[in-house]
Amino acid sequence: MKTHLSRDQLDKFKKQLLQLRKENAEKIDENREKSPNDSISELADYDNHPGDMGTEQFEQERDAGLNLVREDRLREIDDALERIENGTYGLSEKSGKPIPEERLEVQPTARYLVEEQ
C-alpha cells in the first residue's frame, strides 16, 4: 500500500525531517569537538577542587549519553526519510493503516498508530 499523503505533504515532512537531522547532527558534532580536557584545563588556573572534577566528569558522561540519544534520533529520522522515498511514509508498519497527519505533525518519525504502540 502506498502512502495516503499528497506530494506537498510529503515534501513538507521531508523538509522538517531534514531540518531535524541537521540540528541533531550539529549537536553531536559540537559535543564531539569539546575536548574532555578543555574544562579541566580551565580549572588548572584555580585550585582543583574534587567537586569541580566530579562535576566535569558528570557533564562529560551526560554529553556522551545525550549523543547516544541523538544518534538514535538520527537513525529514526533516516528511516523516516527512507519511507518517504519508498512511498510508505505515514503508514503504520504494524497494520499498514494510515497514520493521522496530526500525529506526524507532532512526531514526524512515527512508525505506528498511537493505539499500536
N, C-alpha and C. Protein backbone atom coordinates (compact mmCIF):
# COMPACT_ATOMS: atom_id res chain seq x y z
N MET A 1 0.84 -1.18 0.00
CA MET A 1 0.00 0.00 0.00
C MET A 1 0.89 1.24 0.00
N LYS A 2 0.52 2.20 -0.79
CA LYS A 2 1.28 3.45 -0.88
C LYS A 2 0.69 4.49 0.07
N THR A 3 1.50 5.45 0.39
CA THR A 3 1.12 6.49 1.33
C THR A 3 -0.16 7.22 0.92
N HIS A 4 -0.87 7.73 1.91
CA HIS A 4 -2.10 8.48 1.70
C HIS A 4 -1.84 9.98 1.63
N LEU A 5 -0.59 10.36 1.79
CA LEU A 5 -0.24 11.78 1.83
C LEU A 5 0.04 12.32 0.42
N SER A 6 -0.28 13.59 0.22
CA SER A 6 -0.02 14.23 -1.08
C SER A 6 1.47 14.53 -1.22
N ARG A 7 1.88 14.84 -2.42
CA ARG A 7 3.28 15.19 -2.69
C ARG A 7 3.67 16.42 -1.86
N ASP A 8 2.77 17.40 -1.75
CA ASP A 8 3.07 18.60 -0.95
C ASP A 8 3.26 18.25 0.52
N GLN A 9 2.40 17.37 1.04
CA GLN A 9 2.53 16.95 2.44
C GLN A 9 3.86 16.21 2.65
N LEU A 10 4.18 15.33 1.73
CA LEU A 10 5.44 14.59 1.84
C LEU A 10 6.64 15.53 1.78
N ASP A 11 6.58 16.51 0.89
CA ASP A 11 7.66 17.49 0.79
C ASP A 11 7.82 18.27 2.10
N LYS A 12 6.68 18.63 2.70
CA LYS A 12 6.71 19.37 3.97
C LYS A 12 7.36 18.51 5.06
N PHE A 13 6.97 17.25 5.16
CA PHE A 13 7.55 16.37 6.18
C PHE A 13 9.03 16.09 5.90
N LYS A 14 9.37 15.96 4.63
CA LYS A 14 10.77 15.72 4.29
C LYS A 14 11.62 16.91 4.70
N LYS A 15 11.14 18.11 4.44
CA LYS A 15 11.88 19.32 4.82
C LYS A 15 12.04 19.39 6.34
N GLN A 16 10.96 19.07 7.06
CA GLN A 16 11.00 19.08 8.52
C GLN A 16 12.00 18.04 9.04
N LEU A 17 11.99 16.85 8.47
CA LEU A 17 12.91 15.79 8.89
C LEU A 17 14.36 16.16 8.59
N LEU A 18 14.60 16.75 7.43
CA LEU A 18 15.96 17.17 7.09
C LEU A 18 16.47 18.24 8.06
N GLN A 19 15.59 19.14 8.48
CA GLN A 19 15.98 20.17 9.46
C GLN A 19 16.29 19.52 10.81
N LEU A 20 15.46 18.58 11.25
CA LEU A 20 15.72 17.87 12.50
C LEU A 20 17.04 17.11 12.43
N ARG A 21 17.30 16.52 11.27
CA ARG A 21 18.54 15.76 11.08
C ARG A 21 19.74 16.69 11.22
N LYS A 22 19.66 17.85 10.57
CA LYS A 22 20.75 18.82 10.62
C LYS A 22 21.01 19.28 12.05
N GLU A 23 19.95 19.60 12.78
CA GLU A 23 20.09 20.07 14.16
C GLU A 23 20.73 19.00 15.05
N ASN A 24 20.27 17.75 14.92
CA ASN A 24 20.83 16.66 15.72
C ASN A 24 22.30 16.41 15.38
N ALA A 25 22.62 16.41 14.10
CA ALA A 25 24.00 16.17 13.68
C ALA A 25 24.92 17.27 14.19
N GLU A 26 24.44 18.52 14.15
CA GLU A 26 25.25 19.64 14.63
C GLU A 26 25.53 19.52 16.13
N LYS A 27 24.52 19.12 16.90
CA LYS A 27 24.70 18.98 18.35
C LYS A 27 25.67 17.84 18.66
N ILE A 28 25.59 16.76 17.89
CA ILE A 28 26.52 15.65 18.09
C ILE A 28 27.94 16.13 17.80
N ASP A 29 28.11 16.84 16.70
CA ASP A 29 29.44 17.36 16.34
C ASP A 29 29.97 18.32 17.40
N GLU A 30 29.11 19.19 17.91
CA GLU A 30 29.53 20.13 18.96
C GLU A 30 30.07 19.39 20.18
N ASN A 31 29.34 18.35 20.60
CA ASN A 31 29.78 17.59 21.77
C ASN A 31 31.08 16.84 21.50
N ARG A 32 31.23 16.35 20.29
CA ARG A 32 32.46 15.60 19.96
C ARG A 32 33.67 16.53 19.88
N GLU A 33 33.43 17.78 19.45
CA GLU A 33 34.53 18.73 19.31
C GLU A 33 35.03 19.22 20.66
N LYS A 34 34.18 19.15 21.68
CA LYS A 34 34.62 19.55 23.01
C LYS A 34 35.66 18.56 23.49
N SER A 35 36.82 19.05 23.78
CA SER A 35 37.84 18.17 24.32
C SER A 35 37.52 17.89 25.77
N PRO A 36 37.62 16.64 26.20
CA PRO A 36 37.33 16.34 27.60
C PRO A 36 38.19 17.15 28.56
N ASN A 37 39.34 17.59 28.10
CA ASN A 37 40.24 18.31 28.99
C ASN A 37 40.05 19.83 28.93
N ASP A 38 39.19 20.32 28.04
CA ASP A 38 39.01 21.77 27.91
C ASP A 38 38.63 22.41 29.24
N SER A 39 37.57 21.89 29.85
CA SER A 39 37.10 22.49 31.10
C SER A 39 38.06 22.23 32.23
N ILE A 40 38.67 21.06 32.23
CA ILE A 40 39.61 20.72 33.30
C ILE A 40 40.83 21.62 33.24
N SER A 41 41.31 21.91 32.03
CA SER A 41 42.48 22.78 31.92
C SER A 41 42.14 24.19 32.39
N GLU A 42 40.89 24.62 32.18
CA GLU A 42 40.48 25.91 32.69
C GLU A 42 40.56 25.91 34.21
N LEU A 43 40.23 24.79 34.81
CA LEU A 43 40.25 24.68 36.26
C LEU A 43 41.68 24.67 36.80
N ALA A 44 42.65 24.37 35.95
CA ALA A 44 44.04 24.28 36.40
C ALA A 44 44.53 25.63 36.91
N ASP A 45 43.91 26.71 36.46
CA ASP A 45 44.30 28.04 36.92
C ASP A 45 43.88 28.26 38.37
N TYR A 46 42.99 27.44 38.84
CA TYR A 46 42.48 27.56 40.20
C TYR A 46 42.86 26.31 40.97
N ASP A 47 42.45 26.25 42.20
CA ASP A 47 42.65 25.01 42.94
C ASP A 47 41.74 23.96 42.35
N ASN A 48 42.27 22.78 42.08
CA ASN A 48 41.46 21.69 41.52
C ASN A 48 40.66 21.03 42.64
N HIS A 49 39.54 21.60 42.90
CA HIS A 49 38.66 21.07 43.93
C HIS A 49 38.04 19.77 43.45
N PRO A 50 38.01 18.74 44.26
CA PRO A 50 37.43 17.45 43.83
C PRO A 50 36.00 17.59 43.33
N GLY A 51 35.25 18.51 43.90
CA GLY A 51 33.87 18.72 43.44
C GLY A 51 33.83 19.21 42.01
N ASP A 52 34.79 20.07 41.65
CA ASP A 52 34.84 20.58 40.28
C ASP A 52 35.14 19.44 39.30
N MET A 53 36.07 18.57 39.69
CA MET A 53 36.43 17.46 38.82
C MET A 53 35.24 16.50 38.66
N GLY A 54 34.50 16.28 39.74
CA GLY A 54 33.32 15.41 39.67
C GLY A 54 32.25 16.00 38.79
N THR A 55 32.07 17.32 38.89
CA THR A 55 31.09 18.00 38.04
C THR A 55 31.47 17.86 36.58
N GLU A 56 32.76 18.03 36.28
CA GLU A 56 33.23 17.92 34.89
C GLU A 56 33.01 16.50 34.36
N GLN A 57 33.32 15.52 35.18
CA GLN A 57 33.12 14.13 34.75
C GLN A 57 31.64 13.86 34.50
N PHE A 58 30.78 14.36 35.38
CA PHE A 58 29.34 14.20 35.20
C PHE A 58 28.89 14.83 33.88
N GLU A 59 29.38 16.03 33.60
CA GLU A 59 28.97 16.72 32.36
C GLU A 59 29.44 15.96 31.13
N GLN A 60 30.65 15.39 31.18
CA GLN A 60 31.14 14.60 30.04
C GLN A 60 30.29 13.36 29.83
N GLU A 61 29.93 12.69 30.93
CA GLU A 61 29.09 11.49 30.82
C GLU A 61 27.70 11.85 30.32
N ARG A 62 27.18 12.98 30.79
CA ARG A 62 25.87 13.43 30.33
C ARG A 62 25.90 13.71 28.84
N ASP A 63 26.94 14.42 28.38
CA ASP A 63 27.06 14.73 26.95
C ASP A 63 27.17 13.46 26.12
N ALA A 64 27.92 12.47 26.61
CA ALA A 64 28.05 11.21 25.88
C ALA A 64 26.70 10.51 25.81
N GLY A 65 25.94 10.54 26.89
CA GLY A 65 24.61 9.94 26.89
C GLY A 65 23.66 10.65 25.94
N LEU A 66 23.75 11.98 25.93
CA LEU A 66 22.91 12.76 25.01
C LEU A 66 23.26 12.44 23.56
N ASN A 67 24.55 12.24 23.28
CA ASN A 67 24.95 11.89 21.92
C ASN A 67 24.35 10.55 21.51
N LEU A 68 24.30 9.59 22.42
CA LEU A 68 23.69 8.29 22.09
C LEU A 68 22.22 8.47 21.73
N VAL A 69 21.52 9.28 22.50
CA VAL A 69 20.10 9.55 22.22
C VAL A 69 19.97 10.24 20.87
N ARG A 70 20.84 11.21 20.60
CA ARG A 70 20.78 11.93 19.32
C ARG A 70 21.11 11.02 18.15
N GLU A 71 22.05 10.09 18.34
CA GLU A 71 22.37 9.14 17.27
C GLU A 71 21.19 8.22 16.98
N ASP A 72 20.47 7.79 18.04
CA ASP A 72 19.24 7.01 17.83
C ASP A 72 18.22 7.84 17.07
N ARG A 73 18.11 9.10 17.44
CA ARG A 73 17.17 10.01 16.77
C ARG A 73 17.53 10.15 15.29
N LEU A 74 18.83 10.26 15.00
CA LEU A 74 19.26 10.35 13.60
C LEU A 74 18.84 9.11 12.82
N ARG A 75 18.98 7.94 13.43
CA ARG A 75 18.55 6.70 12.75
C ARG A 75 17.05 6.72 12.48
N GLU A 76 16.27 7.19 13.46
CA GLU A 76 14.81 7.30 13.26
C GLU A 76 14.49 8.26 12.12
N ILE A 77 15.19 9.36 12.06
CA ILE A 77 14.96 10.36 11.01
C ILE A 77 15.34 9.77 9.65
N ASP A 78 16.50 9.10 9.58
CA ASP A 78 16.92 8.48 8.32
C ASP A 78 15.92 7.42 7.87
N ASP A 79 15.39 6.66 8.82
CA ASP A 79 14.38 5.64 8.48
C ASP A 79 13.12 6.31 7.91
N ALA A 80 12.70 7.42 8.53
CA ALA A 80 11.52 8.14 8.04
C ALA A 80 11.76 8.69 6.64
N LEU A 81 12.96 9.24 6.41
CA LEU A 81 13.28 9.75 5.07
C LEU A 81 13.28 8.62 4.05
N GLU A 82 13.74 7.46 4.45
CA GLU A 82 13.72 6.30 3.54
C GLU A 82 12.28 5.89 3.22
N ARG A 83 11.39 5.96 4.24
CA ARG A 83 9.98 5.62 4.00
C ARG A 83 9.34 6.62 3.03
N ILE A 84 9.76 7.89 3.10
CA ILE A 84 9.25 8.88 2.14
C ILE A 84 9.67 8.45 0.74
N GLU A 85 10.94 8.08 0.59
CA GLU A 85 11.46 7.70 -0.73
C GLU A 85 10.79 6.45 -1.29
N ASN A 86 10.49 5.48 -0.42
CA ASN A 86 9.90 4.23 -0.94
C ASN A 86 8.37 4.23 -0.93
N GLY A 87 7.77 5.37 -0.54
CA GLY A 87 6.31 5.51 -0.66
C GLY A 87 5.51 4.95 0.49
N THR A 88 6.15 4.62 1.61
CA THR A 88 5.41 4.04 2.74
C THR A 88 5.33 4.98 3.95
N TYR A 89 5.81 6.20 3.79
CA TYR A 89 5.76 7.16 4.90
C TYR A 89 4.30 7.44 5.25
N GLY A 90 4.02 7.49 6.55
CA GLY A 90 2.67 7.80 7.01
C GLY A 90 1.79 6.59 7.13
N LEU A 91 2.35 5.41 6.91
CA LEU A 91 1.59 4.16 7.07
C LEU A 91 2.19 3.38 8.24
N SER A 92 1.32 2.80 9.04
CA SER A 92 1.78 2.02 10.18
C SER A 92 2.56 0.80 9.70
N GLU A 93 3.69 0.55 10.34
CA GLU A 93 4.48 -0.63 9.99
C GLU A 93 3.85 -1.90 10.52
N LYS A 94 2.89 -1.77 11.47
CA LYS A 94 2.22 -2.96 12.02
C LYS A 94 1.00 -3.33 11.17
N SER A 95 0.12 -2.36 10.96
CA SER A 95 -1.15 -2.66 10.32
C SER A 95 -1.25 -2.18 8.88
N GLY A 96 -0.38 -1.27 8.48
CA GLY A 96 -0.47 -0.69 7.14
C GLY A 96 -1.51 0.41 7.04
N LYS A 97 -2.18 0.71 8.16
CA LYS A 97 -3.20 1.77 8.17
C LYS A 97 -2.53 3.14 8.17
N PRO A 98 -3.22 4.14 7.61
CA PRO A 98 -2.65 5.50 7.60
C PRO A 98 -2.49 6.07 9.00
N ILE A 99 -1.35 6.68 9.23
CA ILE A 99 -1.11 7.40 10.49
C ILE A 99 -1.68 8.80 10.28
N PRO A 100 -2.52 9.28 11.21
CA PRO A 100 -3.12 10.60 11.03
C PRO A 100 -2.04 11.69 10.88
N GLU A 101 -2.34 12.64 10.03
CA GLU A 101 -1.39 13.73 9.78
C GLU A 101 -1.05 14.48 11.07
N GLU A 102 -2.04 14.61 11.96
CA GLU A 102 -1.81 15.30 13.23
C GLU A 102 -0.70 14.62 14.02
N ARG A 103 -0.69 13.30 14.01
CA ARG A 103 0.36 12.55 14.72
C ARG A 103 1.72 12.79 14.07
N LEU A 104 1.75 12.79 12.75
CA LEU A 104 3.01 13.02 12.03
C LEU A 104 3.52 14.45 12.26
N GLU A 105 2.60 15.39 12.45
CA GLU A 105 3.00 16.77 12.74
C GLU A 105 3.78 16.82 14.05
N VAL A 106 3.30 16.08 15.05
CA VAL A 106 3.91 16.08 16.37
C VAL A 106 5.16 15.19 16.40
N GLN A 107 5.07 14.04 15.73
CA GLN A 107 6.18 13.09 15.72
C GLN A 107 6.41 12.62 14.27
N PRO A 108 7.19 13.38 13.50
CA PRO A 108 7.36 13.06 12.08
C PRO A 108 8.06 11.73 11.81
N THR A 109 8.64 11.12 12.85
CA THR A 109 9.30 9.81 12.68
C THR A 109 8.38 8.66 13.06
N ALA A 110 7.10 8.95 13.34
CA ALA A 110 6.16 7.91 13.81
C ALA A 110 6.10 6.74 12.83
N ARG A 111 6.13 5.54 13.41
CA ARG A 111 6.05 4.30 12.63
C ARG A 111 4.72 3.58 12.82
N TYR A 112 4.00 3.93 13.88
CA TYR A 112 2.79 3.20 14.24
C TYR A 112 1.68 4.17 14.61
N LEU A 113 0.46 3.66 14.62
CA LEU A 113 -0.67 4.40 15.16
C LEU A 113 -0.48 4.43 16.68
N VAL A 114 -1.06 5.43 17.33
CA VAL A 114 -0.91 5.56 18.78
C VAL A 114 -1.37 4.28 19.48
N GLU A 115 -2.50 3.73 19.06
CA GLU A 115 -3.05 2.55 19.74
C GLU A 115 -2.22 1.28 19.49
N GLU A 116 -1.30 1.32 18.56
CA GLU A 116 -0.47 0.14 18.26
C GLU A 116 0.83 0.13 19.03
N GLN A 117 1.11 1.20 19.73
CA GLN A 117 2.41 1.26 20.44
C GLN A 117 2.39 0.54 21.74
